[in-house]
């Protein structure tokens, strides 16, 4: 009986523990198409001139 309760509690808590491990300081990288660069002021891609 104790094993069953422990196994059920483990299965219920595992998703919460897994998502907590991935929480926090991840930063998304942005890339622009060929011939464009990232304008950091507007956070958009602009065409390279020149």
PDB file of N, CA and C in Angstrom:
ATOM      1  N   UNK A   1       0.825  -1.194   0.000  1.00  0.00           N
ATOM      2  CA  UNK A   1       0.000   0.000   0.000  1.00  0.00           C
ATOM      3  C   UNK A   1       0.873   1.262   0.000  1.00  0.00           C
ATOM      4  N   UNK A   2       1.912   1.281   0.820  1.00  0.00           N
ATOM      5  CA  UNK A   2       2.811   2.438   0.882  1.00  0.00           C
ATOM      6  C   UNK A   2       3.503   2.636  -0.463  1.00  0.00           C
ATOM      7  N   UNK A   3       3.920   1.546  -1.090  1.00  0.00           N
ATOM      8  CA  UNK A   3       4.577   1.644  -2.401  1.00  0.00           C
ATOM      9  C   UNK A   3       3.657   2.254  -3.439  1.00  0.00           C
ATOM     10  N   UNK A   4       2.395   1.883  -3.409  1.00  0.00           N
ATOM     11  CA  UNK A   4       1.423   2.410  -4.365  1.00  0.00           C
ATOM     12  C   UNK A   4       1.233   3.909  -4.167  1.00  0.00           C
ATOM     13  N   UNK A   5       1.132   4.339  -2.928  1.00  0.00           N
ATOM     14  CA  UNK A   5       0.968   5.765  -2.635  1.00  0.00           C
ATOM     15  C   UNK A   5       2.218   6.530  -3.066  1.00  0.00           C
ATOM     16  N   UNK A   6       3.378   5.987  -2.768  1.00  0.00           N
ATOM     17  CA  UNK A   6       4.626   6.637  -3.157  1.00  0.00           C
ATOM     18  C   UNK A   6       4.756   6.722  -4.673  1.00  0.00           C
ATOM     19  N   UNK A   7       4.410   5.660  -5.375  1.00  0.00           N
ATOM     20  CA  UNK A   7       4.481   5.658  -6.832  1.00  0.00           C
ATOM     21  C   UNK A   7       3.496   6.660  -7.428  1.00  0.00           C
ATOM     22  N   UNK A   8       2.296   6.728  -6.892  1.00  0.00           N
ATOM     23  CA  UNK A   8       1.295   7.673  -7.389  1.00  0.00           C
ATOM     24  C   UNK A   8       1.748   9.113  -7.133  1.00  0.00           C
ATOM     25  N   UNK A   9       2.290   9.380  -5.960  1.00  0.00           N
ATOM     26  CA  UNK A   9       2.765  10.731  -5.643  1.00  0.00           C
ATOM     27  C   UNK A   9       3.919  11.119  -6.551  1.00  0.00           C
ATOM     28  N   UNK A  10       4.791  10.184  -6.838  1.00  0.00           N
ATOM     29  CA  UNK A  10       5.916  10.454  -7.736  1.00  0.00           C
ATOM     30  C   UNK A  10       5.417  10.802  -9.129  1.00  0.00           C
ATOM     31  N   UNK A  11       4.470  10.037  -9.639  1.00  0.00           N
ATOM     32  CA  UNK A  11       3.931  10.302 -10.971  1.00  0.00           C
ATOM     33  C   UNK A  11       3.193  11.639 -11.039  1.00  0.00           C
ATOM     34  N   UNK A  12       2.567  12.033  -9.962  1.00  0.00           N
ATOM     35  CA  UNK A  12       1.839  13.303  -9.941  1.00  0.00           C
ATOM     36  C   UNK A  12       2.813  14.476  -9.859  1.00  0.00           C
ATOM     37  N   UNK A  13       3.885  14.333  -9.099  1.00  0.00           N
ATOM     38  CA  UNK A  13       4.811  15.447  -8.876  1.00  0.00           C
ATOM     39  C   UNK A  13       5.879  15.600  -9.944  1.00  0.00           C
ATOM     40  N   UNK A  14       6.165  14.593 -10.720  1.00  0.00           N
ATOM     41  CA  UNK A  14       7.245  14.663 -11.711  1.00  0.00           C
ATOM     42  C   UNK A  14       7.069  15.780 -12.739  1.00  0.00           C
ATOM     43  N   UNK A  15       5.900  15.994 -13.336  1.00  0.00           N
ATOM     44  CA  UNK A  15       5.769  17.095 -14.299  1.00  0.00           C
ATOM     45  C   UNK A  15       6.049  18.465 -13.676  1.00  0.00           C
ATOM     46  N   UNK A  16       5.617  18.660 -12.443  1.00  0.00           N
ATOM     47  CA  UNK A  16       5.871  19.941 -11.771  1.00  0.00           C
ATOM     48  C   UNK A  16       7.359  20.137 -11.532  1.00  0.00           C
ATOM     49  N   UNK A  17       8.052  19.103 -11.147  1.00  0.00           N
ATOM     50  CA  UNK A  17       9.496  19.207 -10.920  1.00  0.00           C
ATOM     51  C   UNK A  17      10.244  19.416 -12.225  1.00  0.00           C
ATOM     52  N   UNK A  18       9.802  18.774 -13.283  1.00  0.00           N
ATOM     53  CA  UNK A  18      10.455  18.911 -14.583  1.00  0.00           C
ATOM     54  C   UNK A  18      10.287  20.317 -15.130  1.00  0.00           C
ATOM     55  N   UNK A  19       9.113  20.907 -14.993  1.00  0.00           N
ATOM     56  CA  UNK A  19       8.914  22.260 -15.501  1.00  0.00           C
ATOM     57  C   UNK A  19       9.644  23.278 -14.642  1.00  0.00           C
ATOM     58  N   UNK A  20       9.796  23.035 -13.365  1.00  0.00           N
ATOM     59  CA  UNK A  20      10.525  23.956 -12.493  1.00  0.00           C
ATOM     60  C   UNK A  20      12.005  23.963 -12.853  1.00  0.00           C
ATOM     61  N   UNK A  21      12.532  22.868 -13.335  1.00  0.00           N
ATOM     62  CA  UNK A  21      13.943  22.797 -13.707  1.00  0.00           C
ATOM     63  C   UNK A  21      14.242  23.630 -14.938  1.00  0.00           C
ATOM     64  N   UNK A  22      13.259  23.873 -15.786  1.00  0.00           N
ATOM     65  CA  UNK A  22      13.458  24.635 -17.017  1.00  0.00           C
ATOM     66  C   UNK A  22      13.086  26.100 -16.865  1.00  0.00           C
ATOM     67  N   UNK A  23      12.659  26.518 -15.711  1.00  0.00           N
ATOM     68  CA  UNK A  23      12.228  27.896 -15.511  1.00  0.00           C
ATOM     69  C   UNK A  23      13.435  28.803 -15.321  1.00  0.00           C
ATOM     70  N   UNK A  24      13.359  30.008 -15.868  1.00  0.00           N
ATOM     71  CA  UNK A  24      14.396  30.990 -15.573  1.00  0.00           C
ATOM     72  C   UNK A  24      15.126  31.489 -16.780  1.00  0.00           C
ATOM     73  N   UNK A  25      16.320  32.006 -16.581  1.00  0.00           N
ATOM     74  CA  UNK A  25      17.102  32.819 -17.478  1.00  0.00           C
ATOM     75  C   UNK A  25      17.418  32.306 -18.859  1.00  0.00           C
ATOM     76  N   UNK A  26      16.431  31.928 -19.618  1.00  0.00           N
ATOM     77  CA  UNK A  26      16.669  31.578 -21.005  1.00  0.00           C
ATOM     78  C   UNK A  26      16.449  32.804 -21.867  1.00  0.00           C
ATOM     79  N   UNK A  27      17.315  32.987 -22.824  1.00  0.00           N
ATOM     80  CA  UNK A  27      17.180  34.131 -23.711  1.00  0.00           C
ATOM     81  C   UNK A  27      16.992  33.647 -25.132  1.00  0.00           C
ATOM     82  N   UNK A  28      16.002  34.180 -25.805  1.00  0.00           N
ATOM     83  CA  UNK A  28      15.694  33.792 -27.172  1.00  0.00           C
ATOM     84  C   UNK A  28      16.597  34.563 -28.136  1.00  0.00           C
ATOM     85  N   UNK A  29      17.159  33.876 -29.090  1.00  0.00           N
ATOM     86  CA  UNK A  29      17.991  34.528 -30.104  1.00  0.00           C
ATOM     87  C   UNK A  29      17.129  34.831 -31.322  1.00  0.00           C
ATOM     88  N   UNK A  30      17.336  36.009 -31.900  1.00  0.00           N
ATOM     89  CA  UNK A  30      16.584  36.387 -33.092  1.00  0.00           C
ATOM     90  C   UNK A  30      17.536  36.453 -34.259  1.00  0.00           C
ATOM     91  N   UNK A  31      17.118  35.930 -35.382  1.00  0.00           N
ATOM     92  CA  UNK A  31      17.947  36.030 -36.579  1.00  0.00           C
ATOM     93  C   UNK A  31      17.119  36.646 -37.696  1.00  0.00           C
ATOM     94  N   UNK A  32      17.811  37.342 -38.582  1.00  0.00           N
ATOM     95  CA  UNK A  32      17.159  38.010 -39.706  1.00  0.00           C
ATOM     96  C   UNK A  32      17.500  37.273 -41.000  1.00  0.00           C
ATOM     97  N   UNK A  33      16.686  37.519 -42.020  1.00  0.00           N
ATOM     98  CA  UNK A  33      16.910  36.913 -43.332  1.00  0.00           C
ATOM     99  C   UNK A  33      18.177  37.492 -43.956  1.00  0.00           C
ATOM    100  N   UNK A  34      18.658  36.829 -44.998  1.00  0.00           N
ATOM    101  CA  UNK A  34      19.835  37.314 -45.713  1.00  0.00           C
ATOM    102  C   UNK A  34      19.590  38.728 -46.225  1.00  0.00           C
ATOM    103  N   UNK A  35      20.608  39.591 -46.088  1.00  0.00           N
ATOM    104  CA  UNK A  35      20.498  40.968 -46.547  1.00  0.00           C
ATOM    105  C   UNK A  35      19.840  41.896 -45.541  1.00  0.00           C
ATOM    106  N   UNK A  36      19.571  41.371 -44.334  1.00  0.00           N
ATOM    107  CA  UNK A  36      18.944  42.179 -43.296  1.00  0.00           C
ATOM    108  C   UNK A  36      19.749  42.063 -42.004  1.00  0.00           C
ATOM    109  N   UNK A  37      19.650  43.072 -41.159  1.00  0.00           N
ATOM    110  CA  UNK A  37      20.319  43.060 -39.856  1.00  0.00           C
ATOM    111  C   UNK A  37      19.311  43.448 -38.783  1.00  0.00           C
ATOM    112  N   UNK A  38      19.615  43.086 -37.567  1.00  0.00           N
ATOM    113  CA  UNK A  38      18.729  43.402 -36.451  1.00  0.00           C
ATOM    114  C   UNK A  38      18.982  44.826 -35.983  1.00  0.00           C
ATOM    115  N   UNK A  39      17.919  45.624 -35.945  1.00  0.00           N
ATOM    116  CA  UNK A  39      17.973  46.967 -35.382  1.00  0.00           C
ATOM    117  C   UNK A  39      17.631  46.825 -33.902  1.00  0.00           C
ATOM    118  N   UNK A  40      18.631  47.021 -33.033  1.00  0.00           N
ATOM    119  CA  UNK A  40      18.433  46.776 -31.601  1.00  0.00           C
ATOM    120  C   UNK A  40      17.524  47.800 -30.944  1.00  0.00           C
ATOM    121  N   UNK A  41      17.387  48.975 -31.537  1.00  0.00           N
ATOM    122  CA  UNK A  41      16.498  49.989 -30.955  1.00  0.00           C
ATOM    123  C   UNK A  41      15.032  49.611 -31.130  1.00  0.00           C
ATOM    124  N   UNK A  42      14.688  49.120 -32.313  1.00  0.00           N
ATOM    125  CA  UNK A  42      13.289  48.763 -32.584  1.00  0.00           C
ATOM    126  C   UNK A  42      13.039  47.256 -32.463  1.00  0.00           C
ATOM    127  N   UNK A  43      14.130  46.501 -32.349  1.00  0.00           N
ATOM    128  CA  UNK A  43      14.039  45.038 -32.234  1.00  0.00           C
ATOM    129  C   UNK A  43      13.372  44.422 -33.465  1.00  0.00           C
ATOM    130  N   UNK A  44      13.674  44.989 -34.640  1.00  0.00           N
ATOM    131  CA  UNK A  44      13.139  44.469 -35.896  1.00  0.00           C
ATOM    132  C   UNK A  44      14.283  44.317 -36.888  1.00  0.00           C
ATOM    133  N   UNK A  45      14.042  43.568 -37.938  1.00  0.00           N
ATOM    134  CA  UNK A  45      15.029  43.395 -39.003  1.00  0.00           C
ATOM    135  C   UNK A  45      14.884  44.520 -40.018  1.00  0.00           C
ATOM    136  N   UNK A  46      16.010  45.069 -40.422  1.00  0.00           N
ATOM    137  CA  UNK A  46      15.985  46.141 -41.426  1.00  0.00           C
ATOM    138  C   UNK A  46      16.919  45.747 -42.569  1.00  0.00           C
ATOM    139  N   UNK A  47      16.625  46.283 -43.755  1.00  0.00           N
ATOM    140  CA  UNK A  47      17.406  45.979 -44.946  1.00  0.00           C
ATOM    141  C   UNK A  47      18.761  46.680 -44.840  1.00  0.00           C
ATOM    142  N   UNK A  48      19.813  45.949 -45.184  1.00  0.00           N
ATOM    143  CA  UNK A  48      21.153  46.517 -45.190  1.00  0.00           C
ATOM    144  C   UNK A  48      21.273  47.418 -46.407  1.00  0.00           C
ATOM    145  N   UNK A  49      21.666  48.664 -46.193  1.00  0.00           N
ATOM    146  CA  UNK A  49      21.836  49.595 -47.330  1.00  0.00           C
ATOM    147  C   UNK A  49      23.308  49.778 -47.602  1.00  0.00           C
ATOM    148  N   UNK A  50      23.640  49.911 -48.861  1.00  0.00           N
ATOM    149  CA  UNK A  50      25.023  50.199 -49.186  1.00  0.00           C
ATOM    150  C   UNK A  50      25.622  49.254 -50.079  1.00  0.00           C
TER     151      UNK A  50
END
